[in-house]
Amino acid sequence: MDSIKDLLQNKNLDEPTEITAIRSYCESVLSFTPKINVNNDIIWVAAPNGILATELRMRQNEVIERCGLTKKLRIKVG
């Protein structure tokens, strides 16, 4: 069992919770680590290939609900 100290050391406190939620969703459900950029009101998620980007687009509503996004979600290949 991990101690609280270990859990807090691994947590990036500068990263918004929306980004952490998107990253963990992509890693657990689709098995890839996305590149994520945040602009004023848009979250850009870059998938490594078209297949994963398409799969993520098909699950876009689920991602928005599960991750509690308040900004627009845009998905691209990159």
Protein backbone atom coordinates (compact mmCIF):
# COMPACT_ATOMS: atom_id res chain seq x y z
CA MET A 1 0.00 0.00 0.00
CA ASP A 2 1.33 3.43 -0.95
CA SER A 3 1.73 6.03 1.72
CA ILE A 4 0.25 9.50 1.38
CA LYS A 5 3.73 10.90 0.98
CA ASP A 6 4.39 8.68 -2.06
CA LEU A 7 1.06 9.57 -3.64
CA LEU A 8 1.57 13.31 -3.20
CA GLN A 9 5.11 13.17 -4.58
CA ASN A 10 3.82 11.61 -7.81
CA LYS A 11 0.99 14.15 -8.24
CA ASN A 12 1.61 17.19 -10.42
CA LEU A 13 -0.02 20.03 -8.48
CA ASP A 14 0.49 22.55 -11.30
CA GLU A 15 -1.58 20.48 -13.74
CA PRO A 16 -5.35 21.14 -13.80
CA THR A 17 -7.58 18.24 -12.81
CA GLU A 18 -9.21 18.18 -16.25
CA ILE A 19 -5.87 17.41 -17.89
CA THR A 20 -5.05 14.75 -15.34
CA ALA A 21 -8.46 13.16 -15.92
CA ILE A 22 -8.05 13.14 -19.72
CA ARG A 23 -4.54 11.69 -19.46
CA SER A 24 -5.65 8.90 -17.09
CA TYR A 25 -8.70 8.13 -19.29
CA CYS A 26 -6.54 7.78 -22.41
CA GLU A 27 -3.98 5.64 -20.58
CA SER A 28 -6.53 3.31 -18.99
CA VAL A 29 -9.13 2.96 -21.76
CA LEU A 30 -7.14 3.46 -24.98
CA SER A 31 -3.60 2.58 -23.78
CA PHE A 32 -1.74 5.67 -24.98
CA THR A 33 -0.34 8.82 -23.40
CA PRO A 34 -1.75 11.91 -25.13
CA LYS A 35 -0.10 15.27 -25.66
CA ILE A 36 -2.42 17.88 -24.18
CA ASN A 37 -2.41 21.66 -24.70
CA VAL A 38 -4.79 24.15 -23.13
CA ASN A 39 -5.72 27.46 -24.74
CA ASN A 40 -8.21 29.97 -23.36
CA ASP A 41 -11.32 27.86 -23.80
CA ILE A 42 -10.11 24.82 -25.78
CA ILE A 43 -8.34 21.65 -24.68
CA TRP A 44 -6.33 20.12 -27.54
CA VAL A 45 -5.61 16.39 -27.27
CA ALA A 46 -3.10 14.93 -29.73
CA ALA A 47 -3.27 11.19 -30.41
CA PRO A 48 -0.25 9.42 -31.94
CA ASN A 49 -2.18 8.05 -34.94
CA GLY A 50 -5.47 8.36 -36.77
CA ILE A 51 -6.97 5.20 -35.36
CA LEU A 52 -6.64 6.38 -31.76
CA ALA A 53 -7.81 9.88 -32.69
CA THR A 54 -10.92 8.44 -34.33
CA GLU A 55 -11.61 6.19 -31.35
CA LEU A 56 -11.24 9.16 -29.02
CA ARG A 57 -13.57 11.24 -31.20
CA MET A 58 -16.18 8.49 -31.07
CA ARG A 59 -15.95 8.54 -27.26
CA GLN A 60 -15.82 12.34 -27.01
CA ASN A 61 -19.13 12.71 -25.14
CA GLU A 62 -18.07 10.03 -22.66
CA VAL A 63 -14.73 11.78 -22.10
CA ILE A 64 -16.43 15.12 -21.50
CA GLU A 65 -18.81 13.60 -18.94
CA ARG A 66 -16.31 11.36 -17.13
CA CYS A 67 -13.58 14.00 -16.94
CA GLY A 68 -15.91 16.86 -16.03
CA LEU A 69 -14.68 19.16 -18.79
CA THR A 70 -15.82 22.76 -18.82
CA LYS A 71 -13.82 23.74 -21.91
CA LYS A 72 -14.27 22.62 -25.52
CA LEU A 73 -12.44 19.39 -26.41
CA ARG A 74 -10.61 19.18 -29.72
CA ILE A 75 -8.82 16.04 -30.89
CA LYS A 76 -6.06 15.92 -33.48
CA VAL A 77 -3.45 13.53 -34.84
CA GLY A 78 0.03 14.48 -33.84
